[in-house]
Amino acid sequence: MISSTTQQHAPGYPDASQWRYYIYFPLIMLGVSIGLLILGKRTPVVLFVTMWSLQLVIVLPFILAYAGGV
């Protein structure tokens, strides 16, 4: 879908903010999840739970905005 739109040379599509929001942010969150999975047994429980909770708090508003809200 994106490739057909870029082939039409639509102005401003996709712009840098869309790349950050729809591509880079999910990839960073995936990296954090994989890091937590790999380092889970070596990480102190308090730090693990804190990182997991922060990730959940950050992802929920992202998903609501990504999906167009409630």
PDB file of N, CA and C in Angstrom:
ATOM      1  N   MET A   1       0.819  -1.181   0.000  1.00  0.00           N
ATOM      2  CA  MET A   1       0.000   0.000   0.000  1.00  0.00           C
ATOM      3  C   MET A   1       0.868   1.252   0.000  1.00  0.00           C
ATOM      4  N   ILE A   2       1.873   1.303   0.838  1.00  0.00           N
ATOM      5  CA  ILE A   2       2.748   2.472   0.886  1.00  0.00           C
ATOM      6  C   ILE A   2       3.516   2.613  -0.418  1.00  0.00           C
ATOM      7  N   SER A   3       3.985   1.490  -0.979  1.00  0.00           N
ATOM      8  CA  SER A   3       4.767   1.574  -2.207  1.00  0.00           C
ATOM      9  C   SER A   3       3.941   2.135  -3.361  1.00  0.00           C
ATOM     10  N   SER A   4       2.677   1.787  -3.444  1.00  0.00           N
ATOM     11  CA  SER A   4       1.844   2.332  -4.521  1.00  0.00           C
ATOM     12  C   SER A   4       1.609   3.828  -4.331  1.00  0.00           C
ATOM     13  N   THR A   5       1.475   4.261  -3.090  1.00  0.00           N
ATOM     14  CA  THR A   5       1.279   5.683  -2.815  1.00  0.00           C
ATOM     15  C   THR A   5       2.540   6.470  -3.115  1.00  0.00           C
ATOM     16  N   THR A   6       3.704   5.937  -2.736  1.00  0.00           N
ATOM     17  CA  THR A   6       4.949   6.648  -3.016  1.00  0.00           C
ATOM     18  C   THR A   6       5.240   6.654  -4.510  1.00  0.00           C
ATOM     19  N   GLN A   7       4.805   5.648  -5.242  1.00  0.00           N
ATOM     20  CA  GLN A   7       4.986   5.645  -6.691  1.00  0.00           C
ATOM     21  C   GLN A   7       4.147   6.730  -7.358  1.00  0.00           C
ATOM     22  N   GLN A   8       3.070   7.107  -6.736  1.00  0.00           N
ATOM     23  CA  GLN A   8       2.225   8.184  -7.263  1.00  0.00           C
ATOM     24  C   GLN A   8       2.780   9.556  -6.896  1.00  0.00           C
ATOM     25  N   HIS A   9       3.854   9.574  -6.103  1.00  0.00           N
ATOM     26  CA  HIS A   9       4.514  10.812  -5.663  1.00  0.00           C
ATOM     27  C   HIS A   9       3.552  11.732  -4.918  1.00  0.00           C
ATOM     28  N   ALA A  10       2.791  11.145  -4.011  1.00  0.00           N
ATOM     29  CA  ALA A  10       1.884  11.936  -3.180  1.00  0.00           C
ATOM     30  C   ALA A  10       2.715  12.848  -2.287  1.00  0.00           C
ATOM     31  N   PRO A  11       2.443  14.143  -2.296  1.00  0.00           N
ATOM     32  CA  PRO A  11       3.259  15.082  -1.514  1.00  0.00           C
ATOM     33  C   PRO A  11       3.117  14.843  -0.011  1.00  0.00           C
ATOM     34  N   GLY A  12       4.254  14.739   0.654  1.00  0.00           N
ATOM     35  CA  GLY A  12       4.267  14.612   2.109  1.00  0.00           C
ATOM     36  C   GLY A  12       3.866  13.248   2.632  1.00  0.00           C
ATOM     37  N   TYR A  13       3.833  12.251   1.788  1.00  0.00           N
ATOM     38  CA  TYR A  13       3.411  10.928   2.257  1.00  0.00           C
ATOM     39  C   TYR A  13       4.488   9.913   1.982  1.00  0.00           C
ATOM     40  N   PRO A  14       4.921   9.129   2.872  1.00  0.00           N
ATOM     41  CA  PRO A  14       4.802   9.312   4.320  1.00  0.00           C
ATOM     42  C   PRO A  14       5.853  10.303   4.800  1.00  0.00           C
ATOM     43  N   ASP A  15       5.479  11.158   5.722  1.00  0.00           N
ATOM     44  CA  ASP A  15       6.444  12.125   6.229  1.00  0.00           C
ATOM     45  C   ASP A  15       7.204  11.530   7.414  1.00  0.00           C
ATOM     46  N   ALA A  16       8.179  12.279   7.917  1.00  0.00           N
ATOM     47  CA  ALA A  16       9.069  11.765   8.962  1.00  0.00           C
ATOM     48  C   ALA A  16       8.316  11.419  10.243  1.00  0.00           C
ATOM     49  N   SER A  17       7.304  12.193  10.590  1.00  0.00           N
ATOM     50  CA  SER A  17       6.571  11.901  11.830  1.00  0.00           C
ATOM     51  C   SER A  17       5.787  10.601  11.708  1.00  0.00           C
ATOM     52  N   GLN A  18       5.284  10.302  10.521  1.00  0.00           N
ATOM     53  CA  GLN A  18       4.585   9.030  10.334  1.00  0.00           C
ATOM     54  C   GLN A  18       5.564   7.866  10.447  1.00  0.00           C
ATOM     55  N   TRP A  19       6.753   7.996   9.916  1.00  0.00           N
ATOM     56  CA  TRP A  19       7.755   6.941  10.044  1.00  0.00           C
ATOM     57  C   TRP A  19       8.098   6.712  11.508  1.00  0.00           C
ATOM     58  N   ARG A  20       8.283   7.816  12.259  1.00  0.00           N
ATOM     59  CA  ARG A  20       8.611   7.667  13.685  1.00  0.00           C
ATOM     60  C   ARG A  20       7.477   6.991  14.437  1.00  0.00           C
ATOM     61  N   TYR A  21       6.246   7.377  14.151  1.00  0.00           N
ATOM     62  CA  TYR A  21       5.112   6.881  14.919  1.00  0.00           C
ATOM     63  C   TYR A  21       4.725   5.446  14.563  1.00  0.00           C
ATOM     64  N   TYR A  22       4.723   5.122  13.281  1.00  0.00           N
ATOM     65  CA  TYR A  22       4.214   3.825  12.857  1.00  0.00           C
ATOM     66  C   TYR A  22       5.296   2.770  12.623  1.00  0.00           C
ATOM     67  N   ILE A  23       6.551   3.176  12.484  1.00  0.00           N
ATOM     68  CA  ILE A  23       7.616   2.213  12.217  1.00  0.00           C
ATOM     69  C   ILE A  23       8.624   2.176  13.354  1.00  0.00           C
ATOM     70  N   TYR A  24       9.244   3.311  13.638  1.00  0.00           N
ATOM     71  CA  TYR A  24      10.347   3.326  14.603  1.00  0.00           C
ATOM     72  C   TYR A  24       9.888   3.028  16.031  1.00  0.00           C
ATOM     73  N   PHE A  25       8.805   3.651  16.476  1.00  0.00           N
ATOM     74  CA  PHE A  25       8.339   3.429  17.848  1.00  0.00           C
ATOM     75  C   PHE A  25       7.989   1.961  18.112  1.00  0.00           C
ATOM     76  N   PRO A  26       7.205   1.309  17.233  1.00  0.00           N
ATOM     77  CA  PRO A  26       6.936  -0.116  17.477  1.00  0.00           C
ATOM     78  C   PRO A  26       8.198  -0.975  17.450  1.00  0.00           C
ATOM     79  N   LEU A  27       9.158  -0.637  16.582  1.00  0.00           N
ATOM     80  CA  LEU A  27      10.401  -1.404  16.551  1.00  0.00           C
ATOM     81  C   LEU A  27      11.198  -1.226  17.841  1.00  0.00           C
ATOM     82  N   ILE A  28      11.213  -0.033  18.377  1.00  0.00           N
ATOM     83  CA  ILE A  28      11.903   0.210  19.653  1.00  0.00           C
ATOM     84  C   ILE A  28      11.216  -0.572  20.769  1.00  0.00           C
ATOM     85  N   MET A  29       9.891  -0.549  20.794  1.00  0.00           N
ATOM     86  CA  MET A  29       9.167  -1.283  21.826  1.00  0.00           C
ATOM     87  C   MET A  29       9.378  -2.790  21.675  1.00  0.00           C
ATOM     88  N   LEU A  30       9.478  -3.276  20.451  1.00  0.00           N
ATOM     89  CA  LEU A  30       9.782  -4.682  20.226  1.00  0.00           C
ATOM     90  C   LEU A  30      11.170  -5.013  20.764  1.00  0.00           C
ATOM     91  N   GLY A  31      12.132  -4.126  20.531  1.00  0.00           N
ATOM     92  CA  GLY A  31      13.482  -4.323  21.054  1.00  0.00           C
ATOM     93  C   GLY A  31      13.509  -4.364  22.573  1.00  0.00           C
ATOM     94  N   VAL A  32      12.739  -3.477  23.202  1.00  0.00           N
ATOM     95  CA  VAL A  32      12.654  -3.484  24.666  1.00  0.00           C
ATOM     96  C   VAL A  32      12.035  -4.795  25.151  1.00  0.00           C
ATOM     97  N   SER A  33      11.001  -5.266  24.474  1.00  0.00           N
ATOM     98  CA  SER A  33      10.361  -6.526  24.866  1.00  0.00           C
ATOM     99  C   SER A  33      11.325  -7.702  24.741  1.00  0.00           C
ATOM    100  N   ILE A  34      12.050  -7.738  23.639  1.00  0.00           N
ATOM    101  CA  ILE A  34      13.017  -8.816  23.448  1.00  0.00           C
ATOM    102  C   ILE A  34      14.125  -8.720  24.484  1.00  0.00           C
ATOM    103  N   GLY A  35      14.582  -7.501  24.772  1.00  0.00           N
ATOM    104  CA  GLY A  35      15.603  -7.315  25.802  1.00  0.00           C
ATOM    105  C   GLY A  35      15.129  -7.783  27.166  1.00  0.00           C
ATOM    106  N   LEU A  36      13.883  -7.454  27.508  1.00  0.00           N
ATOM    107  CA  LEU A  36      13.331  -7.927  28.777  1.00  0.00           C
ATOM    108  C   LEU A  36      13.213  -9.442  28.801  1.00  0.00           C
ATOM    109  N   LEU A  37      12.852 -10.020  27.680  1.00  0.00           N
ATOM    110  CA  LEU A  37      12.736 -11.467  27.604  1.00  0.00           C
ATOM    111  C   LEU A  37      14.099 -12.141  27.792  1.00  0.00           C
ATOM    112  N   ILE A  38      15.114 -11.604  27.135  1.00  0.00           N
ATOM    113  CA  ILE A  38      16.457 -12.185  27.215  1.00  0.00           C
ATOM    114  C   ILE A  38      17.082 -11.965  28.593  1.00  0.00           C
ATOM    115  N   LEU A  39      16.935 -10.760  29.120  1.00  0.00           N
ATOM    116  CA  LEU A  39      17.592 -10.427  30.384  1.00  0.00           C
ATOM    117  C   LEU A  39      16.692 -10.630  31.602  1.00  0.00           C
ATOM    118  N   GLY A  40      15.521 -11.221  31.410  1.00  0.00           N
ATOM    119  CA  GLY A  40      14.543 -11.363  32.484  1.00  0.00           C
ATOM    120  C   GLY A  40      15.048 -12.092  33.708  1.00  0.00           C
ATOM    121  N   LYS A  41      15.809 -13.145  33.519  1.00  0.00           N
ATOM    122  CA  LYS A  41      16.273 -13.916  34.665  1.00  0.00           C
ATOM    123  C   LYS A  41      17.434 -13.239  35.381  1.00  0.00           C
ATOM    124  N   ARG A  42      18.179 -12.394  34.670  1.00  0.00           N
ATOM    125  CA  ARG A  42      19.318 -11.707  35.287  1.00  0.00           C
ATOM    126  C   ARG A  42      18.950 -10.358  35.879  1.00  0.00           C
ATOM    127  N   THR A  43      17.790  -9.846  35.508  1.00  0.00           N
ATOM    128  CA  THR A  43      17.354  -8.531  35.971  1.00  0.00           C
ATOM    129  C   THR A  43      16.667  -8.670  37.328  1.00  0.00           C
ATOM    130  N   PRO A  44      16.960  -7.754  38.264  1.00  0.00           N
ATOM    131  CA  PRO A  44      16.229  -7.786  39.541  1.00  0.00           C
ATOM    132  C   PRO A  44      14.722  -7.655  39.303  1.00  0.00           C
ATOM    133  N   VAL A  45      13.955  -8.314  40.126  1.00  0.00           N
ATOM    134  CA  VAL A  45      12.501  -8.379  39.944  1.00  0.00           C
ATOM    135  C   VAL A  45      11.883  -6.982  39.916  1.00  0.00           C
ATOM    136  N   VAL A  46      12.328  -6.103  40.796  1.00  0.00           N
ATOM    137  CA  VAL A  46      11.755  -4.754  40.865  1.00  0.00           C
ATOM    138  C   VAL A  46      12.000  -4.002  39.559  1.00  0.00           C
ATOM    139  N   LEU A  47      13.203  -4.094  39.010  1.00  0.00           N
ATOM    140  CA  LEU A  47      13.518  -3.425  37.748  1.00  0.00           C
ATOM    141  C   LEU A  47      12.729  -4.031  36.591  1.00  0.00           C
ATOM    142  N   PHE A  48      12.616  -5.344  36.573  1.00  0.00           N
ATOM    143  CA  PHE A  48      11.853  -6.025  35.524  1.00  0.00           C
ATOM    144  C   PHE A  48      10.396  -5.589  35.546  1.00  0.00           C
ATOM    145  N   VAL A  49       9.781  -5.593  36.710  1.00  0.00           N
ATOM    146  CA  VAL A  49       8.368  -5.206  36.827  1.00  0.00           C
ATOM    147  C   VAL A  49       8.192  -3.733  36.465  1.00  0.00           C
ATOM    148  N   THR A  50       9.130  -2.889  36.861  1.00  0.00           N
ATOM    149  CA  THR A  50       9.057  -1.466  36.535  1.00  0.00           C
ATOM    150  C   THR A  50       9.143  -1.250  35.032  1.00  0.00           C
ATOM    151  N   MET A  51      10.093  -1.895  34.380  1.00  0.00           N
ATOM    152  CA  MET A  51      10.242  -1.757  32.925  1.00  0.00           C
ATOM    153  C   MET A  51       9.010  -2.294  32.198  1.00  0.00           C
ATOM    154  N   TRP A  52       8.497  -3.423  32.643  1.00  0.00           N
ATOM    155  CA  TRP A  52       7.320  -4.009  32.024  1.00  0.00           C
ATOM    156  C   TRP A  52       6.112  -3.084  32.194  1.00  0.00           C
ATOM    157  N   SER A  53       5.954  -2.528  33.390  1.00  0.00           N
ATOM    158  CA  SER A  53       4.829  -1.626  33.658  1.00  0.00           C
ATOM    159  C   SER A  53       4.931  -0.352  32.827  1.00  0.00           C
ATOM    160  N   LEU A  54       6.135   0.223  32.744  1.00  0.00           N
ATOM    161  CA  LEU A  54       6.323   1.419  31.932  1.00  0.00           C
ATOM    162  C   LEU A  54       6.028   1.142  30.458  1.00  0.00           C
ATOM    163  N   GLN A  55       6.447  -0.006  30.006  1.00  0.00           N
ATOM    164  CA  GLN A  55       6.183  -0.368  28.616  1.00  0.00           C
ATOM    165  C   GLN A  55       4.680  -0.477  28.378  1.00  0.00           C
ATOM    166  N   LEU A  56       3.968  -1.070  29.294  1.00  0.00           N
ATOM    167  CA  LEU A  56       2.520  -1.199  29.168  1.00  0.00           C
ATOM    168  C   LEU A  56       1.845   0.173  29.186  1.00  0.00           C
ATOM    169  N   VAL A  57       2.288   1.046  30.075  1.00  0.00           N
ATOM    170  CA  VAL A  57       1.717   2.389  30.179  1.00  0.00           C
ATOM    171  C   VAL A  57       1.961   3.184  28.897  1.00  0.00           C
ATOM    172  N   ILE A  58       3.115   2.987  28.266  1.00  0.00           N
ATOM    173  CA  ILE A  58       3.436   3.704  27.035  1.00  0.00           C
ATOM    174  C   ILE A  58       2.684   3.126  25.842  1.00  0.00           C
ATOM    175  N   VAL A  59       2.533   1.824  25.786  1.00  0.00           N
ATOM    176  CA  VAL A  59       1.930   1.175  24.619  1.00  0.00           C
ATOM    177  C   VAL A  59       0.418   1.380  24.555  1.00  0.00           C
ATOM    178  N   LEU A  60      -0.266   1.419  25.665  1.00  0.00           N
ATOM    179  CA  LEU A  60      -1.728   1.551  25.633  1.00  0.00           C
ATOM    180  C   LEU A  60      -2.198   2.839  24.948  1.00  0.00           C
ATOM    181  N   PRO A  61      -1.668   4.021  25.295  1.00  0.00           N
ATOM    182  CA  PRO A  61      -2.075   5.225  24.552  1.00  0.00           C
ATOM    183  C   PRO A  61      -1.677   5.170  23.074  1.00  0.00           C
ATOM    184  N   PHE A  62      -0.525   4.545  22.790  1.00  0.00           N
ATOM    185  CA  PHE A  62      -0.091   4.391  21.401  1.00  0.00           C
ATOM    186  C   PHE A  62      -1.102   3.573  20.608  1.00  0.00           C
ATOM    187  N   ILE A  63      -1.569   2.473  21.183  1.00  0.00           N
ATOM    188  CA  ILE A  63      -2.517   1.608  20.484  1.00  0.00           C
ATOM    189  C   ILE A  63      -3.837   2.333  20.273  1.00  0.00           C
ATOM    190  N   LEU A  64      -4.284   3.098  21.265  1.00  0.00           N
ATOM    191  CA  LEU A  64      -5.519   3.845  21.092  1.00  0.00           C
ATOM    192  C   LEU A  64      -5.410   4.873  19.971  1.00  0.00           C
ATOM    193  N   ALA A  65      -4.292   5.580  19.904  1.00  0.00           N
ATOM    194  CA  ALA A  65      -4.092   6.565  18.841  1.00  0.00           C
ATOM    195  C   ALA A  65      -3.872   5.876  17.497  1.00  0.00           C
ATOM    196  N   TYR A  66      -3.150   4.784  17.499  1.00  0.00           N
ATOM    197  CA  TYR A  66      -2.847   4.040  16.278  1.00  0.00           C
ATOM    198  C   TYR A  66      -4.121   3.505  15.643  1.00  0.00           C
ATOM    199  N   ALA A  67      -5.028   3.037  16.483  1.00  0.00           N
ATOM    200  CA  ALA A  67      -6.265   2.438  15.993  1.00  0.00           C
ATOM    201  C   ALA A  67      -7.358   3.480  15.763  1.00  0.00           C
ATOM    202  N   GLY A  68      -7.093   4.733  16.065  1.00  0.00           N
ATOM    203  CA  GLY A  68      -8.075   5.782  15.816  1.00  0.00           C
ATOM    204  C   GLY A  68      -8.929   6.139  17.022  1.00  0.00           C
ATOM    205  N   GLY A  69      -8.517   5.687  18.201  1.00  0.00           N
ATOM    206  CA  GLY A  69      -9.253   6.028  19.411  1.00  0.00           C
ATOM    207  C   GLY A  69     -10.318   5.018  19.767  1.00  0.00           C
ATOM    208  N   VAL A  70     -11.140   5.393  20.711  1.00  0.00           N
ATOM    209  CA  VAL A  70     -12.170   4.498  21.219  1.00  0.00           C
ATOM    210  C   VAL A  70     -13.394   4.571  20.353  1.00  0.00           C
TER     211      VAL A  70
END
